[in-house]
Amino acid sequence: MDFIEELSWRGMIHTMMPGTEDQLRKEMTTAYLGIDPTADSLHIGHLCGVMMLRHFQRCGHKPIALIGGATGMIGDPSGKSAERNLLDEATLRHNQEAIKNQLSRFLDFDSDAPNRAEMVNNYDWMKNYSFLDFAREIGKHITVNYMMAKDSVQKRLNGEARDGLSFTEFTYQLLQGYDFMHLYQTKDCKLQLGGSDQWGNITTGSELIRRTLGGEAFALTCPLITKADGGKFGKTESGNVWLDARYTSPYKFYQFWLNVSDSDAEKYLKIFTFLTKEEIEALAAEHAGNPGGRALQKRLAKEVTEMVHGAEAYETAVAASHILFAADTADALRRLDEKTLLDVMEGVPQFVISAQELKEGIPVLELLATKSGVFSSKGEARKMIQGGGVSINKEKISDPAAAITADSLLNGKYLLAQRGKKNYFLLKAE
């Protein structure tokens, strides 16, 4: 596989420094991509960069994931309107380990292959580097004029940031440039990868290598991922879509991809999966013939969910997605963990009932009409039960005299009541 060819047809190249392609075809090349360590999980905004690293390794080259422990303590002005929160070392180390565990699903860190992935943290080489040494050895090689010309700096100076640009942030491109220089010297790293908003910082590094060492280093960026409607990719009403199931359940993760627009689905299949060009073209043709079947979205959601969370989590997410719309899902409902259950029931009216009373059993009419507001009266509840229109936990209630006990609770605390075909209510026992 050819890295540039692979990324080109997938639409994953925004800008590339001249000579990059020749370098990659000449020899196994080492490249790095920087990752912000401000959380102990990646989110899908990181995913394009991670996919670049994986393609890079699949094409026979050596990827390095650089955790920005030092630069994360400062804040990058690129694409930002405010400085970041600064982190202590213990938090940074925790975040680094968590991120490496996630990256291990994508990259080979553990084999004996010459192109096995590595993770480094720029805090390790910056923490003992004095300001005077840095100013003398690095700062003198890059002029203020050069630094001022960068788009990320200009945007902040021209009023996009309310408080302007601090000196701390202004030095960020020098620090990132030194990272590239350090890895060039210690790891023979000749290429830096990143998002298009990082172009200015990346080229500062290649310029620093040229001026200080007389070496040649290269840059390649991917486009910032957008949605067809102009909205920000990866953001939902509840915030970032995280790769860690603690923050975004596999069900919600799956739903995010399942609900992308038709125009975005084919683009995202190219960027976020390893399907071939022919496979994607076949899916696009199938989708065009039957848009209602949503072939593109279903395959996208499957591929990305399995890649991030595994096949079992994908199957659970699919089963959870069908629970509100299918009749024979009682078993699937009982298998859901609490977080997924609550995600599926998001927006469903909820009522609190007595766990103590439920131990002794609550008559179903009383449960639905007195202890909760599923029905306005026992008479209304009785009539619908007799008509076959009431279910508890997706199982029909046929006897108005039945009692519901704690044995029916999902995850030890929930009951799902259904009135008619589309009206659901979640009862929580406390």
Protein backbone atom coordinates (compact mmCIF):
# COMPACT_ATOMS: atom_id res chain seq x y z
CA MET A 1 0.00 0.00 0.00
CA ASP A 2 1.12 3.54 -0.78
CA PHE A 3 0.35 5.96 2.06
CA ILE A 4 -0.21 9.03 -0.11
CA GLU A 5 -2.38 7.17 -2.61
CA GLU A 6 -4.44 5.65 0.20
CA LEU A 7 -5.04 8.98 1.94
CA SER A 8 -5.68 10.79 -1.34
CA TRP A 9 -8.67 8.72 -2.47
CA ARG A 10 -10.04 8.82 1.07
CA GLY A 11 -9.99 12.64 1.04
CA MET A 12 -7.61 12.75 4.00
CA ILE A 13 -4.92 15.10 2.65
CA HIS A 14 -5.29 18.85 3.07
CA THR A 15 -1.73 20.14 2.61
CA MET A 16 1.56 18.34 1.99
CA MET A 17 5.07 19.73 1.91
CA PRO A 18 6.95 19.16 -1.38
CA GLY A 19 9.18 16.10 -1.20
CA THR A 20 6.98 14.22 1.28
CA GLU A 21 5.87 11.62 -1.26
CA ASP A 22 9.44 10.99 -2.45
CA GLN A 23 10.61 10.52 1.16
CA LEU A 24 7.90 7.94 1.89
CA ARG A 25 8.66 5.99 -1.27
CA LYS A 26 12.39 6.03 -0.60
CA GLU A 27 12.43 4.25 2.80
CA MET A 28 10.53 3.26 5.90
CA THR A 29 9.88 6.65 7.46
CA THR A 30 9.07 7.65 11.03
CA ALA A 31 6.28 10.19 11.55
CA TYR A 32 4.64 11.63 14.63
CA LEU A 33 1.29 13.11 15.49
CA GLY A 34 0.66 15.19 18.59
CA ILE A 35 -2.26 14.45 20.90
CA ASP A 36 -3.64 16.84 23.47
CA PRO A 37 -3.66 15.10 26.89
CA THR A 38 -6.24 17.31 28.60
CA ALA A 39 -8.61 14.34 29.16
CA ASP A 40 -8.13 10.64 29.88
CA SER A 41 -9.96 9.69 26.71
CA LEU A 42 -9.79 10.56 23.06
CA HIS A 43 -12.94 11.77 21.33
CA ILE A 44 -13.94 11.38 17.70
CA GLY A 45 -12.35 14.72 16.89
CA HIS A 46 -9.04 12.89 17.36
CA LEU A 47 -10.10 9.98 15.19
CA CYS A 48 -8.97 11.30 11.80
CA GLY A 49 -5.42 11.77 13.12
CA VAL A 50 -5.47 8.32 14.71
CA MET A 51 -6.61 6.80 11.40
CA MET A 52 -3.70 8.57 9.68
CA LEU A 53 -1.30 6.89 12.10
CA ARG A 54 -2.91 3.50 11.50
CA HIS A 55 -2.76 3.88 7.71
CA PHE A 56 0.87 4.97 8.11
CA GLN A 57 1.74 1.79 10.01
CA ARG A 58 -0.26 -0.42 7.63
CA CYS A 59 1.77 1.04 4.78
CA GLY A 60 5.01 -0.13 6.43
CA HIS A 61 6.07 3.09 8.15
CA LYS A 62 6.68 3.79 11.84
CA PRO A 63 4.17 5.94 13.78
CA ILE A 64 4.88 7.88 16.95
CA ALA A 65 2.06 9.23 19.11
CA LEU A 66 3.32 12.26 20.99
CA ILE A 67 1.45 13.18 24.15
CA GLY A 68 1.73 16.93 24.61
CA GLY A 69 2.43 16.92 28.33
CA ALA A 70 4.56 20.08 28.20
CA THR A 71 2.60 21.88 25.52
CA GLY A 72 -0.62 20.80 27.22
CA MET A 73 0.54 22.83 30.19
CA ILE A 74 0.58 25.93 28.00
CA GLY A 75 -2.20 25.89 25.44
CA ASP A 76 -2.16 26.06 21.66
CA PRO A 77 -3.74 29.14 20.03
CA SER A 78 -4.59 27.22 16.85
CA GLY A 79 -8.35 27.29 16.33
CA LYS A 80 -8.95 28.39 19.91
CA SER A 81 -10.40 31.56 21.34
CA ALA A 82 -9.18 31.05 24.89
CA GLU A 83 -6.27 29.50 26.76
CA ARG A 84 -6.56 25.93 27.98
CA ASN A 85 -6.67 24.82 31.56
CA LEU A 86 -3.22 23.80 32.73
CA LEU A 87 -2.67 20.29 34.13
CA ASP A 88 -0.42 18.89 36.84
CA GLU A 89 2.04 16.08 36.13
CA ALA A 90 0.06 13.34 37.91
CA THR A 91 -3.03 14.10 35.81
CA LEU A 92 -0.94 14.17 32.64
CA ARG A 93 0.60 10.75 33.36
CA HIS A 94 -2.82 9.24 34.07
CA ASN A 95 -4.22 10.69 30.86
CA GLN A 96 -1.21 9.44 28.89
CA GLU A 97 -1.69 5.86 30.05
CA ALA A 98 -5.42 5.93 29.32
CA ILE A 99 -4.82 7.33 25.82
CA LYS A 100 -2.19 4.68 25.08
CA ASN A 101 -4.68 1.96 26.03
CA GLN A 102 -7.14 3.41 23.53
CA LEU A 103 -4.53 3.78 20.80
CA SER A 104 -3.59 0.13 21.25
CA ARG A 105 -6.87 -0.76 19.53
CA PHE A 106 -5.54 0.97 16.42
CA LEU A 107 -1.75 0.68 16.52
CA ASP A 108 0.75 -2.13 17.13
CA PHE A 109 2.90 -1.04 20.08
CA ASP A 110 3.97 -4.49 21.26
CA SER A 111 5.35 -6.56 18.38
CA ASP A 112 8.98 -6.90 17.32
CA ALA A 113 8.24 -5.29 13.95
CA PRO A 114 10.68 -2.53 12.98
CA ASN A 115 7.72 -0.21 12.42
CA ARG A 116 6.00 -0.86 15.75
CA ALA A 117 4.38 2.25 17.19
CA GLU A 118 5.85 4.26 20.04
CA MET A 119 4.39 6.75 22.48
CA VAL A 120 6.41 9.66 23.82
CA ASN A 121 5.61 12.63 26.05
CA ASN A 122 7.25 15.98 25.35
CA TYR A 123 7.19 16.75 29.07
CA ASP A 124 10.02 14.23 29.44
CA TRP A 125 12.46 16.33 27.41
CA MET A 126 11.07 19.76 28.30
CA LYS A 127 10.76 19.53 32.10
CA ASN A 128 14.49 20.13 32.75
CA TYR A 129 15.11 22.47 29.83
CA SER A 130 15.75 25.92 31.31
CA PHE A 131 14.23 29.03 29.80
CA LEU A 132 17.67 30.55 29.22
CA ASP A 133 18.91 27.46 27.39
CA PHE A 134 15.78 27.31 25.28
CA ALA A 135 16.00 31.00 24.37
CA ARG A 136 19.68 30.67 23.42
CA GLU A 137 19.57 27.35 21.59
CA ILE A 138 16.14 27.45 19.95
CA GLY A 139 14.61 30.92 20.12
CA LYS A 140 17.40 32.65 18.24
CA HIS A 141 16.80 30.56 15.11
CA ILE A 142 13.18 31.62 14.49
CA THR A 143 12.37 35.31 14.05
CA VAL A 144 9.37 37.05 15.55
CA ASN A 145 8.44 38.12 12.01
CA TYR A 146 8.23 34.43 11.01
CA MET A 147 6.13 33.57 14.05
CA MET A 148 3.81 36.55 13.61
CA ALA A 149 2.99 35.52 10.05
CA LYS A 150 1.26 32.31 11.16
CA ASP A 151 -2.51 32.27 10.64
CA SER A 152 -3.18 30.99 14.15
CA VAL A 153 -1.36 33.98 15.63
CA GLN A 154 -2.90 36.51 13.24
CA LYS A 155 -6.45 35.36 13.99
CA ARG A 156 -5.94 35.77 17.71
CA LEU A 157 -4.31 39.20 17.29
CA ASN A 158 -7.04 40.41 14.97
CA GLY A 159 -9.75 40.20 17.55
CA GLU A 160 -11.01 36.60 17.58
CA ALA A 161 -9.85 36.30 21.19
CA ARG A 162 -11.29 38.73 23.71
CA ASP A 163 -8.05 38.87 25.71
CA GLY A 164 -5.61 38.73 22.81
CA LEU A 165 -2.68 36.31 22.74
CA SER A 166 -0.49 35.66 25.77
CA PHE A 167 3.28 35.30 25.49
CA THR A 168 2.85 31.75 26.79
CA GLU A 169 0.66 30.82 23.84
CA PHE A 170 2.83 32.77 21.41
CA THR A 171 5.77 30.50 22.28
CA TYR A 172 3.71 27.38 21.56
CA GLN A 173 4.89 27.04 17.97
CA LEU A 174 8.52 27.15 19.13
CA LEU A 175 7.87 24.38 21.63
CA GLN A 176 6.08 22.25 19.04
CA GLY A 177 8.87 23.01 16.60
CA TYR A 178 11.41 21.80 19.15
CA ASP A 179 9.43 18.56 19.58
CA PHE A 180 9.89 17.88 15.87
CA MET A 181 13.58 18.72 16.10
CA HIS A 182 14.05 16.50 19.17
CA LEU A 183 12.34 13.52 17.50
CA TYR A 184 14.31 14.17 14.31
CA GLN A 185 17.53 13.88 16.32
CA THR A 186 16.56 11.02 18.65
CA LYS A 187 14.10 8.94 16.56
CA ASP A 188 15.09 9.88 12.98
CA CYS A 189 11.56 11.26 12.65
CA LYS A 190 11.24 13.07 9.32
CA LEU A 191 7.51 13.72 9.05
CA GLN A 192 4.89 15.36 11.23
CA LEU A 193 1.19 14.64 10.75
CA GLY A 194 -1.69 16.70 12.04
CA GLY A 195 -4.90 18.57 11.34
CA SER A 196 -4.89 21.46 8.90
CA ASP A 197 -5.08 23.94 11.80
CA GLN A 198 -1.61 22.69 12.84
CA TRP A 199 0.11 23.56 9.53
CA GLY A 200 1.77 26.68 10.95
CA ASN A 201 3.17 24.88 14.00
CA ILE A 202 4.34 21.90 11.93
CA THR A 203 6.18 24.02 9.36
CA THR A 204 7.89 25.92 12.18
CA GLY A 205 9.37 22.55 13.20
CA SER A 206 10.62 21.69 9.74
CA GLU A 207 12.09 25.19 9.42
CA LEU A 208 13.83 24.84 12.79
CA ILE A 209 15.35 21.51 11.69
CA ARG A 210 16.58 23.12 8.47
CA ARG A 211 18.11 26.15 10.20
CA THR A 212 19.72 24.40 13.16
CA LEU A 213 20.70 21.01 11.77
CA GLY A 214 20.68 21.52 8.02
CA GLY A 215 18.23 18.61 7.84
CA GLU A 216 15.13 18.06 5.74
CA ALA A 217 11.82 17.29 7.40
CA PHE A 218 8.31 17.14 6.03
CA ALA A 219 4.70 17.93 6.87
CA LEU A 220 1.30 16.49 5.95
CA THR A 221 -2.06 17.59 7.30
CA CYS A 222 -5.58 16.21 7.02
CA PRO A 223 -8.65 18.43 6.60
CA LEU A 224 -10.65 19.39 9.65
CA ILE A 225 -13.72 17.17 9.50
CA THR A 226 -16.98 19.02 8.99
CA LYS A 227 -20.65 18.17 8.61
CA ALA A 228 -22.58 18.89 5.43
CA ASP A 229 -24.76 21.41 7.26
CA GLY A 230 -21.73 23.33 8.46
CA GLY A 231 -22.06 22.15 12.07
CA LYS A 232 -19.04 21.03 14.07
CA PHE A 233 -18.22 17.36 13.63
CA GLY A 234 -18.22 15.24 16.78
CA LYS A 235 -20.24 17.62 18.93
CA THR A 236 -23.70 16.72 20.22
CA GLU A 237 -26.05 18.46 22.61
CA SER A 238 -24.38 16.59 25.45
CA GLY A 239 -20.84 17.48 24.31
CA ASN A 240 -18.02 15.44 22.79
CA VAL A 241 -18.51 11.90 21.49
CA TRP A 242 -15.81 10.08 23.46
CA LEU A 243 -14.07 6.80 22.67
CA ASP A 244 -14.24 5.75 26.34
CA ALA A 245 -17.47 3.95 27.21
CA ARG A 246 -17.50 5.69 30.62
CA TYR A 247 -18.23 9.00 28.90
CA THR A 248 -20.11 7.94 25.77
CA SER A 249 -21.80 4.54 25.89
CA PRO A 250 -21.33 2.23 22.89
CA TYR A 251 -25.08 2.66 22.25
CA LYS A 252 -24.79 6.45 21.99
CA PHE A 253 -21.57 6.09 20.01
CA TYR A 254 -23.33 3.77 17.55
CA GLN A 255 -26.32 6.11 17.33
CA PHE A 256 -24.08 9.06 16.47
CA TRP A 257 -22.75 7.32 13.36
CA LEU A 258 -26.13 5.81 12.47
CA ASN A 259 -27.70 9.25 12.37
CA VAL A 260 -25.23 11.11 10.14
CA SER A 261 -26.65 12.60 6.95
CA ASP A 262 -26.60 10.79 3.60
CA SER A 263 -24.08 13.30 2.24
CA ASP A 264 -21.74 12.79 5.20
CA ALA A 265 -22.01 8.99 5.44
CA GLU A 266 -19.99 8.17 2.31
CA LYS A 267 -17.29 10.70 3.23
CA TYR A 268 -17.04 9.32 6.77
CA LEU A 269 -16.79 5.74 5.47
CA LYS A 270 -13.65 6.77 3.60
CA ILE A 271 -12.10 8.54 6.57
CA PHE A 272 -13.13 6.42 9.55
CA THR A 273 -13.11 2.85 8.20
CA PHE A 274 -10.73 0.57 6.34
CA LEU A 275 -13.25 -0.48 3.72
CA THR A 276 -11.82 -0.49 0.20
CA LYS A 277 -12.77 1.97 -2.49
CA GLU A 278 -14.75 -0.75 -4.26
CA GLU A 279 -16.67 -1.69 -1.10
CA ILE A 280 -17.63 1.92 -0.44
CA GLU A 281 -18.70 2.46 -4.06
CA ALA A 282 -20.89 -0.65 -3.85
CA LEU A 283 -22.51 0.61 -0.63
CA ALA A 284 -23.09 4.01 -2.22
CA ALA A 285 -24.81 2.36 -5.19
CA GLU A 286 -26.97 0.25 -2.85
CA HIS A 287 -27.89 3.36 -0.87
CA ALA A 288 -28.77 5.30 -4.03
CA GLY A 289 -31.14 2.50 -5.05
CA ASN A 290 -32.83 2.41 -1.65
CA PRO A 291 -32.10 5.50 0.48
CA GLY A 292 -34.58 4.38 3.12
CA GLY A 293 -32.46 1.29 3.80
CA ARG A 294 -29.62 3.57 5.02
CA ALA A 295 -26.95 1.11 3.89
CA LEU A 296 -24.18 3.70 4.22
CA GLN A 297 -25.05 4.73 7.77
CA LYS A 298 -25.58 1.16 9.00
CA ARG A 299 -22.22 0.00 7.68
CA LEU A 300 -20.46 3.12 8.97
CA ALA A 301 -21.93 2.64 12.45
CA LYS A 302 -20.98 -1.04 12.44
CA GLU A 303 -17.39 -0.52 11.31
CA VAL A 304 -16.56 2.34 13.66
CA THR A 305 -18.34 0.88 16.71
CA GLU A 306 -16.63 -2.49 16.28
CA MET A 307 -13.26 -0.81 15.77
CA VAL A 308 -13.55 1.30 18.93
CA HIS A 309 -15.63 -0.91 21.26
CA GLY A 310 -15.56 -4.42 19.79
CA ALA A 311 -18.11 -6.71 18.12
CA GLU A 312 -20.01 -7.56 21.32
CA ALA A 313 -20.60 -3.88 22.15
CA TYR A 314 -21.80 -3.34 18.59
CA GLU A 315 -24.31 -6.20 18.85
CA THR A 316 -25.59 -4.82 22.16
CA ALA A 317 -25.98 -1.35 20.62
CA VAL A 318 -27.96 -2.77 17.69
CA ALA A 319 -30.22 -4.74 20.04
CA ALA A 320 -30.74 -1.66 22.21
CA SER A 321 -31.65 0.39 19.14
CA HIS A 322 -34.50 -2.00 18.34
CA ILE A 323 -35.97 -2.19 21.84
CA LEU A 324 -38.44 0.68 21.50
CA PHE A 325 -39.54 -0.29 18.01
CA ALA A 326 -39.89 -4.08 18.06
CA ALA A 327 -42.28 -6.32 19.97
CA ASP A 328 -40.02 -9.30 20.72
CA THR A 329 -37.22 -7.56 22.58
CA ALA A 330 -37.90 -8.55 26.21
CA ASP A 331 -34.75 -10.68 26.44
CA ALA A 332 -32.59 -7.96 24.87
CA LEU A 333 -34.02 -5.43 27.32
CA ARG A 334 -33.05 -7.58 30.31
CA ARG A 335 -29.48 -7.89 29.01
CA LEU A 336 -28.86 -4.13 28.86
CA ASP A 337 -26.51 -2.61 31.41
CA GLU A 338 -27.85 0.36 33.37
CA LYS A 339 -26.00 3.07 31.41
CA THR A 340 -27.21 1.73 28.06
CA LEU A 341 -30.74 1.34 29.39
CA LEU A 342 -30.80 4.96 30.53
CA ASP A 343 -29.33 6.12 27.21
CA VAL A 344 -32.04 4.24 25.29
CA MET A 345 -34.71 5.73 27.56
CA GLU A 346 -33.37 9.28 27.35
CA GLY A 347 -36.36 11.59 26.96
CA VAL A 348 -38.86 8.95 28.15
CA PRO A 349 -41.07 10.22 31.03
CA GLN A 350 -39.87 8.86 34.38
CA PHE A 351 -41.60 8.19 37.70
CA VAL A 352 -40.21 7.12 41.07
CA ILE A 353 -41.94 4.23 42.85
CA SER A 354 -41.35 2.62 46.24
CA ALA A 355 -38.80 -0.20 46.20
CA GLN A 356 -40.14 -1.42 49.56
CA GLU A 357 -43.71 -1.70 48.30
CA LEU A 358 -42.51 -3.47 45.19
CA LYS A 359 -40.91 -6.19 47.31
CA GLU A 360 -44.36 -7.09 48.57
CA GLY A 361 -45.95 -6.66 45.14
CA ILE A 362 -47.99 -3.75 43.76
CA PRO A 363 -51.23 -4.43 41.82
CA VAL A 364 -50.59 -3.43 38.23
CA LEU A 365 -53.55 -1.00 38.10
CA GLU A 366 -52.29 0.74 41.21
CA LEU A 367 -48.71 0.80 39.87
CA LEU A 368 -49.71 2.40 36.57
CA ALA A 369 -52.43 4.79 37.72
CA THR A 370 -51.76 5.60 41.40
CA LYS A 371 -48.07 5.07 42.06
CA SER A 372 -47.11 6.61 38.70
CA GLY A 373 -48.73 8.69 35.99
CA VAL A 374 -48.72 6.16 33.17
CA PHE A 375 -52.54 6.29 33.22
CA SER A 376 -54.83 8.96 34.61
CA SER A 377 -57.15 6.36 36.22
CA LYS A 378 -57.39 2.68 37.06
CA GLY A 379 -60.39 2.40 34.75
CA GLU A 380 -58.39 3.65 31.79
CA ALA A 381 -55.55 1.25 32.65
CA ARG A 382 -57.92 -1.72 33.03
CA LYS A 383 -59.57 -1.02 29.68
CA MET A 384 -56.23 -0.85 27.82
CA ILE A 385 -54.89 -3.99 29.54
CA GLN A 386 -58.01 -5.87 28.48
CA GLY A 387 -57.43 -4.61 24.94
CA GLY A 388 -53.87 -5.91 24.94
CA GLY A 389 -52.27 -2.47 24.88
CA VAL A 390 -50.10 -2.55 28.02
CA SER A 391 -46.65 -4.08 28.53
CA ILE A 392 -44.16 -4.16 31.36
CA ASN A 393 -40.56 -4.72 30.24
CA LYS A 394 -41.83 -5.47 26.70
CA GLU A 395 -44.06 -8.31 27.94
CA LYS A 396 -47.86 -7.98 27.53
CA ILE A 397 -49.95 -7.67 30.69
CA SER A 398 -53.18 -9.62 30.15
CA ASP A 399 -54.62 -9.75 33.69
CA PRO A 400 -55.78 -6.44 35.31
CA ALA A 401 -55.55 -8.18 38.70
CA ALA A 402 -51.86 -9.04 38.30
CA ALA A 403 -49.25 -7.74 40.74
CA ILE A 404 -45.77 -6.54 39.84
CA THR A 405 -42.92 -7.43 42.17
CA ALA A 406 -39.24 -6.59 42.55
CA ASP A 407 -38.43 -9.73 40.54
CA SER A 408 -39.37 -7.79 37.41
CA LEU A 409 -36.88 -4.97 37.97
CA LEU A 410 -34.27 -4.31 35.29
CA ASN A 411 -30.80 -3.84 36.76
CA GLY A 412 -32.44 -4.15 40.16
CA LYS A 413 -34.20 -0.77 39.95
CA TYR A 414 -36.18 -0.09 36.75
CA LEU A 415 -39.46 -1.06 35.08
CA LEU A 416 -40.29 -0.10 31.51
CA ALA A 417 -44.01 0.49 31.07
CA GLN A 418 -45.55 0.73 27.61
CA ARG A 419 -48.96 2.19 26.85
CA GLY A 420 -50.05 1.54 23.30
CA LYS A 421 -47.44 1.26 20.57
CA LYS A 422 -45.34 4.37 21.13
CA ASN A 423 -45.80 5.63 24.69
CA TYR A 424 -43.06 4.55 27.09
CA PHE A 425 -42.51 5.31 30.76
CA LEU A 426 -39.53 4.44 32.96
CA LEU A 427 -40.36 3.61 36.59
CA LYS A 428 -37.46 3.79 39.02
CA ALA A 429 -37.67 1.96 42.33
CA GLU A 430 -36.10 3.83 45.24
